[in-house]
N, C-alpha and C. Protein backbone atom coordinates (compact mmCIF):
# COMPACT_ATOMS: atom_id res chain seq x y z
N MET A 1 1.56 10.37 -28.22
CA MET A 1 0.12 9.97 -28.57
C MET A 1 -0.70 10.69 -28.00
N ARG A 2 -2.03 11.12 -29.26
CA ARG A 2 -2.79 12.15 -28.70
C ARG A 2 -4.10 11.45 -28.38
N PRO A 3 -4.41 11.55 -27.17
CA PRO A 3 -5.83 10.51 -27.05
C PRO A 3 -6.80 10.94 -28.00
N VAL A 4 -7.43 9.86 -28.45
CA VAL A 4 -8.84 10.63 -28.79
C VAL A 4 -9.88 10.06 -28.11
N GLN A 5 -10.32 8.69 -27.40
CA GLN A 5 -11.38 8.18 -27.05
C GLN A 5 -10.66 7.35 -26.05
N ARG A 6 -11.49 7.46 -24.86
CA ARG A 6 -10.97 6.01 -23.60
C ARG A 6 -12.13 5.15 -24.14
N LEU A 7 -11.45 3.70 -24.10
CA LEU A 7 -12.03 2.79 -24.52
C LEU A 7 -11.75 1.36 -23.34
N GLU A 8 -13.30 0.55 -23.36
CA GLU A 8 -13.14 -0.36 -22.61
C GLU A 8 -12.29 -1.46 -23.43
N GLN A 9 -11.31 -2.58 -22.59
CA GLN A 9 -10.71 -3.50 -23.10
C GLN A 9 -11.08 -4.53 -24.11
N ARG A 10 -12.68 -4.67 -23.83
CA ARG A 10 -13.33 -5.62 -24.56
C ARG A 10 -13.35 -5.35 -25.98
N ASP A 11 -13.35 -4.00 -26.24
CA ASP A 11 -13.22 -3.36 -27.45
C ASP A 11 -11.89 -3.51 -28.09
N VAL A 12 -10.87 -3.10 -27.36
CA VAL A 12 -9.68 -3.65 -28.17
C VAL A 12 -9.34 -5.35 -28.35
N TRP A 13 -9.77 -6.38 -27.74
CA TRP A 13 -9.55 -7.33 -27.95
C TRP A 13 -10.77 -7.89 -29.02
N GLU A 14 -11.96 -7.35 -29.17
CA GLU A 14 -13.20 -7.54 -30.29
C GLU A 14 -11.90 -7.08 -31.27
N HIS A 15 -11.79 -6.09 -31.35
CA HIS A 15 -11.10 -5.51 -32.88
C HIS A 15 -9.55 -7.08 -33.35
N TRP A 16 -9.01 -6.85 -32.19
CA TRP A 16 -7.93 -7.79 -32.11
C TRP A 16 -8.27 -9.09 -32.69
N GLN A 17 -9.54 -10.00 -32.14
CA GLN A 17 -10.12 -10.84 -33.21
C GLN A 17 -10.38 -10.81 -34.51
N ARG A 18 -10.98 -9.76 -34.73
CA ARG A 18 -11.47 -9.29 -36.04
C ARG A 18 -10.29 -9.25 -36.78
N VAL A 19 -9.20 -8.92 -36.44
CA VAL A 19 -8.23 -8.86 -37.26
C VAL A 19 -7.45 -10.23 -37.79
N GLU A 20 -7.52 -11.14 -36.51
CA GLU A 20 -6.64 -12.23 -36.33
C GLU A 20 -7.80 -13.52 -37.03
N GLY A 21 -8.90 -12.78 -37.15
CA GLY A 21 -10.00 -14.14 -37.56
C GLY A 21 -10.20 -15.31 -36.49
N ASP A 22 -9.53 -14.94 -35.32
CA ASP A 22 -9.99 -15.97 -34.26
C ASP A 22 -10.84 -15.22 -33.24
N HIS A 23 -12.18 -15.93 -32.92
CA HIS A 23 -12.98 -15.59 -32.40
C HIS A 23 -13.13 -16.44 -30.88
N SER A 24 -12.34 -17.55 -30.60
CA SER A 24 -12.10 -18.41 -29.10
C SER A 24 -12.00 -17.57 -28.31
N PRO A 25 -12.29 -17.66 -27.50
CA PRO A 25 -11.99 -17.03 -25.82
C PRO A 25 -10.70 -16.69 -25.71
N SER A 26 -9.89 -18.03 -26.22
CA SER A 26 -8.20 -17.84 -25.82
C SER A 26 -7.34 -17.47 -26.89
N PHE A 27 -8.22 -16.57 -27.63
CA PHE A 27 -7.19 -16.26 -28.84
C PHE A 27 -6.11 -15.30 -28.18
N ARG A 28 -5.05 -15.47 -28.86
CA ARG A 28 -3.47 -14.96 -28.75
C ARG A 28 -3.72 -15.06 -27.12
N SER A 29 -3.47 -15.82 -26.48
CA SER A 29 -3.35 -15.88 -24.69
C SER A 29 -2.32 -16.03 -24.56
N ASP A 30 -1.52 -16.17 -25.36
CA ASP A 30 0.31 -16.51 -25.30
C ASP A 30 0.60 -14.95 -24.88
N ILE A 31 0.20 -14.10 -25.58
CA ILE A 31 0.49 -12.37 -25.62
C ILE A 31 -0.28 -11.84 -24.36
N ARG A 32 -1.57 -11.92 -24.21
CA ARG A 32 -2.86 -11.40 -23.50
C ARG A 32 -2.45 -11.66 -22.30
N ASP A 33 -2.11 -13.04 -21.82
CA ASP A 33 -2.12 -13.45 -20.53
C ASP A 33 -0.83 -13.12 -19.72
N ALA A 34 0.21 -12.48 -20.47
CA ALA A 34 1.38 -11.90 -19.98
C ALA A 34 1.16 -10.46 -19.75
N LEU A 35 0.11 -9.76 -19.77
CA LEU A 35 -0.22 -8.18 -19.37
C LEU A 35 -0.79 -8.20 -18.56
N PRO A 36 -0.49 -6.66 -17.72
CA PRO A 36 -1.18 -6.74 -16.61
C PRO A 36 -2.47 -6.42 -16.64
N THR A 37 -2.93 -6.58 -15.56
CA THR A 37 -4.68 -6.71 -15.69
C THR A 37 -5.42 -5.42 -15.63
N ASP A 38 -4.65 -4.30 -15.20
CA ASP A 38 -5.21 -3.33 -14.92
C ASP A 38 -4.69 -2.03 -15.77
N LEU A 39 -4.86 -2.71 -17.15
CA LEU A 39 -4.70 -1.73 -18.48
C LEU A 39 -5.75 -0.71 -18.65
N VAL A 40 -5.51 0.45 -19.00
CA VAL A 40 -6.14 1.42 -18.93
C VAL A 40 -6.34 1.91 -20.72
N TRP A 41 -7.38 1.70 -21.38
CA TRP A 41 -7.57 1.84 -22.97
C TRP A 41 -7.74 3.27 -23.61
N TYR A 42 -7.05 3.33 -24.58
CA TYR A 42 -7.24 4.56 -25.29
C TYR A 42 -7.12 4.44 -26.89
N LEU A 43 -8.19 4.86 -27.89
CA LEU A 43 -7.74 5.40 -29.18
C LEU A 43 -7.16 6.23 -29.07
N CYS A 44 -5.48 6.48 -29.57
CA CYS A 44 -4.78 7.55 -29.47
C CYS A 44 -4.16 7.83 -31.55
N GLU A 45 -3.83 8.89 -31.33
CA GLU A 45 -3.25 9.25 -33.05
C GLU A 45 -1.99 9.38 -32.60
N VAL A 46 -0.82 8.84 -33.69
CA VAL A 46 0.15 8.67 -33.61
C VAL A 46 0.71 10.04 -33.97
N GLN A 47 1.77 10.99 -33.06
CA GLN A 47 2.32 11.91 -33.63
C GLN A 47 3.44 11.73 -34.14
N PRO A 48 4.18 12.62 -34.78
CA PRO A 48 5.66 12.86 -35.38
C PRO A 48 6.53 12.20 -34.06
N GLU A 49 6.43 12.80 -32.98
CA GLU A 49 7.29 12.40 -32.06
C GLU A 49 7.38 10.94 -31.83
N ASP A 50 6.49 10.51 -31.82
CA ASP A 50 6.12 9.18 -31.39
C ASP A 50 6.79 8.10 -32.07
N VAL A 51 6.96 8.38 -33.10
CA VAL A 51 7.56 6.89 -33.92
C VAL A 51 8.44 6.11 -33.98
N ASP A 52 9.70 7.06 -33.17
CA ASP A 52 10.91 6.73 -32.85
C ASP A 52 10.82 6.31 -30.93
N ARG A 53 9.50 6.39 -30.42
CA ARG A 53 9.17 5.68 -29.46
C ARG A 53 8.39 4.76 -29.23
N LEU A 54 7.91 3.97 -30.84
CA LEU A 54 7.04 2.72 -30.97
C LEU A 54 8.39 1.76 -31.22
N PHE A 55 8.28 0.58 -30.27
CA PHE A 55 9.08 -0.69 -30.18
C PHE A 55 8.13 -1.89 -30.61
N ILE A 56 9.10 -2.99 -31.12
CA ILE A 56 8.56 -4.19 -31.51
C ILE A 56 8.22 -4.82 -30.32
N ILE A 57 7.21 -5.69 -30.23
CA ILE A 57 7.28 -6.46 -29.01
C ILE A 57 8.44 -7.52 -28.80
N SER A 58 8.66 -7.55 -27.63
CA SER A 58 9.99 -7.81 -27.05
C SER A 58 10.37 -9.67 -27.22
N SER A 59 10.23 -9.91 -28.57
CA SER A 59 10.49 -11.35 -28.98
C SER A 59 11.72 -11.27 -30.02
N ASP A 60 12.71 -12.44 -29.46
CA ASP A 60 14.08 -12.32 -29.88
C ASP A 60 14.08 -12.47 -31.52
N ASP A 61 12.95 -12.70 -31.81
CA ASP A 61 13.64 -13.29 -33.24
C ASP A 61 13.43 -11.56 -34.19
N TRP A 62 12.92 -10.77 -33.42
CA TRP A 62 13.16 -9.23 -34.04
C TRP A 62 14.63 -8.47 -33.88
N THR A 63 15.46 -9.04 -33.23
CA THR A 63 16.75 -8.69 -32.69
C THR A 63 17.48 -8.24 -34.06
N ASP A 64 17.86 -9.32 -34.66
CA ASP A 64 18.75 -8.72 -35.75
C ASP A 64 18.12 -7.81 -36.63
N ILE A 65 16.83 -8.01 -37.26
CA ILE A 65 16.23 -6.89 -38.25
C ILE A 65 16.30 -5.78 -37.57
N SER A 66 16.00 -5.59 -36.47
CA SER A 66 15.99 -3.90 -35.84
C SER A 66 17.43 -3.69 -35.52
N GLY A 67 18.56 -4.30 -35.73
CA GLY A 67 19.44 -3.89 -35.35
C GLY A 67 19.97 -3.95 -33.98
N GLY A 68 18.91 -4.84 -33.21
CA GLY A 68 19.26 -4.82 -31.78
C GLY A 68 18.51 -3.86 -30.90
N THR A 69 17.67 -3.20 -31.85
CA THR A 69 16.90 -1.65 -30.87
C THR A 69 15.70 -2.16 -30.59
N PHE A 70 15.10 -2.85 -31.11
CA PHE A 70 13.59 -3.41 -31.21
C PHE A 70 12.81 -1.91 -31.64
N ARG A 71 13.19 -1.02 -32.39
CA ARG A 71 12.59 0.28 -32.54
C ARG A 71 12.13 -0.08 -34.00
N VAL A 72 10.66 0.21 -34.34
CA VAL A 72 9.83 0.16 -35.67
C VAL A 72 10.46 0.87 -36.80
N SER A 73 11.11 1.67 -36.28
CA SER A 73 11.48 2.61 -37.51
C SER A 73 12.98 2.45 -37.96
N LYS A 74 13.64 1.55 -37.12
CA LYS A 74 14.71 0.91 -37.50
C LYS A 74 14.57 -0.39 -38.24
N VAL A 75 13.76 -0.95 -37.96
CA VAL A 75 13.01 -2.36 -38.21
C VAL A 75 12.78 -1.86 -40.19
N ALA A 76 12.12 -0.68 -40.19
CA ALA A 76 11.59 -0.20 -41.65
C ALA A 76 12.54 0.22 -42.42
N HIS A 77 13.83 0.97 -41.74
CA HIS A 77 14.85 1.49 -42.39
C HIS A 77 16.18 0.01 -42.65
N ARG A 78 15.91 -1.03 -41.81
CA ARG A 78 16.96 -2.04 -42.21
C ARG A 78 16.26 -3.26 -43.33
N LEU A 79 15.08 -2.83 -43.52
CA LEU A 79 14.45 -3.84 -44.58
C LEU A 79 15.38 -4.61 -45.77
N ASP A 80 15.65 -3.91 -46.55
CA ASP A 80 16.46 -4.13 -47.42
C ASP A 80 18.02 -4.76 -47.33
N LEU A 81 18.61 -4.46 -46.03
CA LEU A 81 20.13 -4.89 -45.79
C LEU A 81 20.16 -6.60 -46.03
N PRO A 82 21.18 -7.04 -45.97
CA PRO A 82 21.40 -8.57 -46.23
C PRO A 82 21.49 -9.30 -44.75
N SER A 83 21.35 -10.00 -44.62
CA SER A 83 21.03 -10.76 -43.59
C SER A 83 21.30 -12.64 -43.42
N SER A 84 22.04 -13.34 -42.60
CA SER A 84 22.09 -14.51 -42.46
C SER A 84 21.34 -15.10 -41.65
N SER A 85 20.07 -14.39 -41.11
CA SER A 85 19.35 -14.95 -39.98
C SER A 85 17.93 -15.27 -40.46
N ALA A 86 17.79 -16.08 -40.31
CA ALA A 86 16.59 -16.63 -40.73
C ALA A 86 14.95 -15.90 -40.29
N ASP A 87 15.31 -15.55 -39.24
CA ASP A 87 14.19 -14.71 -38.65
C ASP A 87 14.38 -13.26 -39.08
N THR A 88 15.36 -12.67 -39.91
CA THR A 88 15.06 -11.73 -40.32
C THR A 88 14.47 -11.71 -41.94
N ASN A 89 15.14 -12.97 -42.40
CA ASN A 89 14.88 -13.05 -43.67
C ASN A 89 13.17 -13.75 -43.91
N ARG A 90 12.56 -14.07 -42.67
CA ARG A 90 10.83 -14.33 -42.91
C ARG A 90 10.60 -12.94 -42.41
N LEU A 91 10.63 -12.45 -41.41
CA LEU A 91 10.14 -11.19 -41.04
C LEU A 91 10.18 -10.23 -42.34
N ALA A 92 11.08 -9.73 -42.99
CA ALA A 92 11.35 -8.87 -43.83
C ALA A 92 10.84 -9.23 -45.19
N GLY A 93 10.75 -10.61 -45.74
CA GLY A 93 10.00 -11.13 -46.61
C GLY A 93 8.40 -10.84 -46.38
N ASP A 94 7.90 -10.93 -45.43
CA ASP A 94 6.65 -10.85 -44.83
C ASP A 94 6.28 -9.35 -44.72
N ILE A 95 7.03 -8.80 -44.78
CA ILE A 95 6.64 -7.10 -44.61
C ILE A 95 6.76 -6.87 -45.86
N ARG A 96 7.76 -6.97 -46.59
CA ARG A 96 7.73 -6.89 -48.26
C ARG A 96 6.17 -7.24 -48.85
N CYS A 97 6.38 -8.32 -48.70
CA CYS A 97 4.71 -8.92 -49.29
C CYS A 97 3.46 -7.94 -48.70
N LYS A 98 3.41 -7.83 -47.60
CA LYS A 98 2.50 -6.09 -47.27
C LYS A 98 2.79 -5.18 -48.15
N LEU A 99 4.23 -4.62 -48.31
CA LEU A 99 4.05 -3.50 -48.98
C LEU A 99 3.86 -3.94 -50.74
N SER A 100 3.80 -4.91 -51.08
CA SER A 100 3.42 -4.93 -52.32
C SER A 100 1.69 -4.92 -52.20
N HIS A 101 1.42 -5.86 -51.48
CA HIS A 101 -0.04 -5.49 -51.45
C HIS A 101 -0.37 -4.27 -51.20
N LEU A 102 -0.33 -3.27 -50.53
CA LEU A 102 -0.49 -1.95 -50.67
C LEU A 102 -0.30 -1.40 -51.90
N ASP A 103 1.25 -1.39 -52.64
CA ASP A 103 1.58 -1.35 -53.68
C ASP A 103 0.35 -1.58 -55.13
N SER A 104 -0.25 -2.92 -54.82
CA SER A 104 -1.70 -3.32 -55.79
C SER A 104 -3.04 -2.78 -55.08
N GLY A 105 -2.85 -1.95 -54.37
CA GLY A 105 -4.22 -1.37 -54.09
C GLY A 105 -4.77 -1.98 -52.93
N GLY A 106 -4.10 -2.88 -52.49
CA GLY A 106 -4.96 -3.53 -50.95
C GLY A 106 -4.76 -2.88 -49.68
N HIS A 107 -5.55 -3.36 -48.87
CA HIS A 107 -5.47 -2.47 -47.73
C HIS A 107 -5.07 -3.07 -46.51
N LEU A 108 -4.18 -2.58 -45.54
CA LEU A 108 -3.95 -3.41 -44.24
C LEU A 108 -4.83 -2.50 -42.84
N ASP A 109 -5.25 -3.28 -42.48
CA ASP A 109 -6.09 -2.66 -40.87
C ASP A 109 -4.63 -1.81 -40.26
N GLN A 110 -5.01 -0.39 -39.73
CA GLN A 110 -4.14 0.08 -39.52
C GLN A 110 -4.23 0.59 -37.85
N ARG A 111 -5.09 -0.40 -36.98
CA ARG A 111 -4.75 -0.12 -35.90
C ARG A 111 -4.17 -1.14 -34.69
N LEU A 112 -3.03 -0.39 -34.87
CA LEU A 112 -2.16 -1.57 -34.24
C LEU A 112 -2.55 -1.35 -32.72
N ILE A 113 -1.85 -2.54 -31.90
CA ILE A 113 -1.98 -2.19 -30.30
C ILE A 113 -0.93 -2.20 -29.53
N GLY A 114 -0.45 -1.19 -28.59
CA GLY A 114 0.50 -1.16 -28.00
C GLY A 114 0.48 -0.68 -26.65
N ILE A 115 1.52 -1.09 -25.69
CA ILE A 115 1.12 -0.84 -24.47
C ILE A 115 2.11 0.09 -23.74
N THR A 116 1.97 1.15 -22.78
CA THR A 116 3.13 1.86 -22.08
C THR A 116 2.59 2.01 -20.52
N ASP A 117 3.65 2.34 -19.77
CA ASP A 117 3.74 2.46 -18.51
C ASP A 117 3.42 4.17 -18.24
N SER A 118 3.48 4.78 -19.19
CA SER A 118 3.42 6.26 -19.00
C SER A 118 1.81 6.88 -19.27
N PRO A 119 1.76 7.48 -18.16
CA PRO A 119 0.04 7.95 -17.44
C PRO A 119 -0.39 9.00 -18.86
N SER A 120 0.74 9.75 -19.10
CA SER A 120 0.88 10.91 -20.34
C SER A 120 0.73 10.31 -21.66
N LEU A 121 0.70 9.29 -21.82
CA LEU A 121 0.96 8.43 -23.07
C LEU A 121 2.25 9.01 -23.79
N PHE A 122 3.28 9.63 -23.36
CA PHE A 122 4.33 9.88 -23.80
C PHE A 122 5.03 9.10 -24.35
N GLY A 123 4.99 8.04 -23.99
CA GLY A 123 6.12 6.22 -24.43
C GLY A 123 6.95 6.19 -23.72
N PRO A 124 7.17 4.91 -23.54
CA PRO A 124 8.11 4.31 -24.99
C PRO A 124 6.36 3.53 -25.12
N PHE A 125 6.40 2.93 -26.20
CA PHE A 125 5.25 2.14 -26.79
C PHE A 125 5.49 1.00 -27.23
N THR A 126 4.98 -0.06 -26.68
CA THR A 126 5.45 -1.60 -27.05
C THR A 126 4.21 -1.96 -27.80
N LEU A 127 4.61 -2.24 -29.13
CA LEU A 127 3.27 -2.83 -29.92
C LEU A 127 3.10 -4.72 -29.40
N ILE A 128 2.13 -5.09 -29.36
CA ILE A 128 1.93 -6.34 -29.02
C ILE A 128 1.14 -7.55 -30.22
N GLU A 129 0.76 -6.22 -31.00
CA GLU A 129 -0.20 -6.70 -32.23
C GLU A 129 0.34 -5.69 -33.35
N GLY A 130 0.68 -6.10 -34.27
CA GLY A 130 0.78 -5.34 -35.79
C GLY A 130 2.27 -4.84 -35.64
N ASN A 131 3.10 -5.51 -35.17
CA ASN A 131 4.62 -5.75 -35.66
C ASN A 131 5.15 -5.34 -36.75
N ARG A 132 4.41 -6.38 -37.67
CA ARG A 132 4.99 -6.26 -39.20
C ARG A 132 4.30 -5.33 -39.78
N ARG A 133 3.03 -5.06 -39.86
CA ARG A 133 2.04 -3.96 -40.39
C ARG A 133 2.73 -2.72 -39.86
N SER A 134 3.68 -2.16 -38.67
CA SER A 134 3.74 -1.33 -38.24
C SER A 134 4.88 -0.58 -39.13
N ALA A 135 6.03 -1.60 -39.29
CA ALA A 135 7.30 -1.55 -39.80
C ALA A 135 6.83 -1.36 -41.41
N THR A 136 5.73 -1.72 -41.87
CA THR A 136 5.23 -1.61 -43.19
C THR A 136 4.84 -0.11 -43.39
N PHE A 137 3.97 0.43 -42.62
CA PHE A 137 3.25 1.53 -42.49
C PHE A 137 4.49 2.85 -42.27
N CYS A 138 5.43 2.42 -41.38
CA CYS A 138 6.62 3.18 -41.19
C CYS A 138 7.64 3.49 -41.90
N HIS A 139 7.73 2.39 -43.38
CA HIS A 139 8.63 2.06 -44.25
C HIS A 139 7.67 3.45 -45.22
N ARG A 140 6.24 3.34 -45.54
CA ARG A 140 5.75 3.95 -46.19
C ARG A 140 5.34 5.58 -45.95
N GLY A 141 5.56 5.63 -44.67
CA GLY A 141 5.91 7.12 -43.98
C GLY A 141 4.03 7.28 -43.89
N VAL A 142 3.33 6.31 -43.42
CA VAL A 142 2.06 6.50 -42.94
C VAL A 142 1.56 6.26 -41.69
N LEU A 143 2.69 6.32 -40.75
CA LEU A 143 2.16 5.96 -39.35
C LEU A 143 1.59 7.24 -38.38
N VAL A 144 2.46 8.23 -39.02
CA VAL A 144 1.97 8.95 -38.60
C VAL A 144 0.59 9.83 -38.83
N GLY A 145 -0.38 10.24 -37.93
CA GLY A 145 -1.97 10.28 -38.16
C GLY A 145 -2.59 9.36 -38.08
N SER A 146 -1.99 7.86 -37.74
CA SER A 146 -2.72 6.63 -37.89
C SER A 146 -3.56 6.90 -36.42
N LEU A 147 -4.64 5.94 -36.28
CA LEU A 147 -5.17 5.68 -34.74
C LEU A 147 -5.03 4.39 -34.39
N ILE A 148 -4.08 4.29 -33.20
CA ILE A 148 -4.05 2.93 -32.68
C ILE A 148 -4.43 2.96 -31.14
N PHE A 149 -4.70 1.49 -30.51
CA PHE A 149 -4.92 1.64 -29.22
C PHE A 149 -3.76 1.39 -28.23
N VAL A 150 -4.11 1.97 -27.37
CA VAL A 150 -3.04 2.16 -26.66
C VAL A 150 -3.49 1.85 -25.14
N GLY A 151 -2.47 0.76 -24.33
CA GLY A 151 -3.06 0.42 -23.08
C GLY A 151 -1.98 1.00 -22.10
N TYR A 152 -2.57 1.67 -21.23
CA TYR A 152 -1.86 2.31 -19.83
C TYR A 152 -1.86 1.35 -18.60
N SER A 153 -0.50 0.85 -18.14
CA SER A 153 -0.58 0.49 -16.76
C SER A 153 1.01 0.75 -16.16
N PRO A 154 1.12 1.04 -15.15
CA PRO A 154 2.54 1.13 -14.60
C PRO A 154 2.87 -0.54 -14.08
N LEU A 155 2.22 -1.34 -14.38
CA LEU A 155 3.01 -2.31 -14.53
C LEU A 155 3.69 -3.03 -15.97
N VAL A 156 3.31 -2.37 -16.48
CA VAL A 156 3.91 -2.60 -18.08
C VAL A 156 5.16 -3.08 -18.29
N VAL A 157 6.24 -2.24 -17.36
CA VAL A 157 7.36 -2.39 -17.26
C VAL A 157 7.65 -3.72 -16.99
N ASP A 158 7.06 -4.39 -15.90
CA ASP A 158 7.42 -5.72 -15.61
C ASP A 158 6.80 -6.87 -16.24
N CYS A 159 6.35 -6.34 -17.54
CA CYS A 159 5.74 -7.49 -18.42
C CYS A 159 6.97 -8.05 -19.18
N SER A 160 7.07 -9.26 -19.86
CA SER A 160 7.72 -9.91 -20.50
C SER A 160 8.13 -9.39 -21.87
N TRP A 161 6.81 -9.13 -22.16
CA TRP A 161 6.92 -8.39 -23.83
C TRP A 161 7.51 -6.77 -23.78
N THR A 162 7.97 -6.06 -22.84
CA THR A 162 8.34 -4.91 -23.18
C THR A 162 9.79 -5.22 -22.68
N ARG A 163 10.30 -6.23 -21.71
CA ARG A 163 11.60 -6.14 -21.78
C ARG A 163 12.74 -5.51 -22.17
N HIS A 164 12.72 -5.43 -23.75
CA HIS A 164 13.78 -5.22 -24.84
C HIS A 164 13.21 -3.15 -24.84
N THR A 165 12.08 -3.19 -24.80
CA THR A 165 11.55 -1.80 -24.72
C THR A 165 12.06 -1.40 -23.88
N TYR A 166 12.06 -1.18 -22.64
CA TYR A 166 12.36 -0.24 -21.70
C TYR A 166 14.11 -0.31 -21.45
N ARG A 167 14.81 -1.24 -21.81
CA ARG A 167 16.49 -1.37 -21.84
C ARG A 167 16.85 -0.38 -22.83
N HIS A 168 16.45 -0.45 -24.10
CA HIS A 168 16.51 0.15 -25.33
C HIS A 168 15.96 1.97 -25.16
N PHE A 169 15.00 2.12 -24.48
CA PHE A 169 14.52 3.27 -24.17
C PHE A 169 15.32 4.03 -23.43
N LYS A 170 15.66 3.40 -22.04
CA LYS A 170 16.58 3.89 -21.15
C LYS A 170 18.07 4.42 -21.53
N GLN A 171 18.53 3.45 -22.40
CA GLN A 171 20.11 3.62 -23.07
C GLN A 171 19.93 4.93 -24.07
N SER A 172 18.59 5.00 -24.88
CA SER A 172 18.64 5.94 -25.88
C SER A 172 18.12 7.36 -24.81
N CYS A 173 17.82 7.24 -23.88
CA CYS A 173 17.49 8.60 -23.25
C CYS A 173 19.07 8.91 -22.48
N ALA A 174 19.73 7.87 -21.81
CA ALA A 174 21.01 8.63 -21.53
C ALA A 174 21.82 8.60 -22.22
N ASP A 175 21.97 8.23 -23.68
CA ASP A 175 22.60 8.83 -24.82
C ASP A 175 22.62 10.40 -25.07
N PHE A 176 21.11 10.46 -25.04
CA PHE A 176 20.71 11.74 -25.51
C PHE A 176 20.86 12.50 -24.33
N VAL A 177 21.22 12.80 -23.13
CA VAL A 177 21.40 13.37 -22.04
C VAL A 177 22.74 13.37 -22.10
N THR A 178 23.77 12.92 -22.19
CA THR A 178 25.56 12.66 -22.32
C THR A 178 25.70 13.74 -23.28
């Protein structure tokens, strides 16, 4: 990721609230409460090499549609594969609706929210907001060059939302080395 600007956490949360249309103080506490409290936030530009370092939030309903990898790129490539998984069919249907919305001239907010333990912002990155949109943008080939929010903390590796990211990222690095 190429950092563009350092941000305050409230800037990120306010954006998320606008996207969700939820202005309550407890908005998305199901996700936010599990995050490290020392996140340092940046607005970053997605680079070509970042696409394969983007992971879906570690929620088990993404297992089948991602082929067990939790990679955004795998979700985008597996959208049209048949599946007997209700989760996959639900997620794929929603992503297809987003693609149709774009095809009809609609707009989707591109400011996704990700987190990483990498101080250099090399990744991997786990998306905590915008998972379906990320697969939509990846499928359309418009992720590269988009601006997203990235929060950094060394404690991200201990967050429940990144458990699949670090397991699969380490495995793919080991496969690359051997």
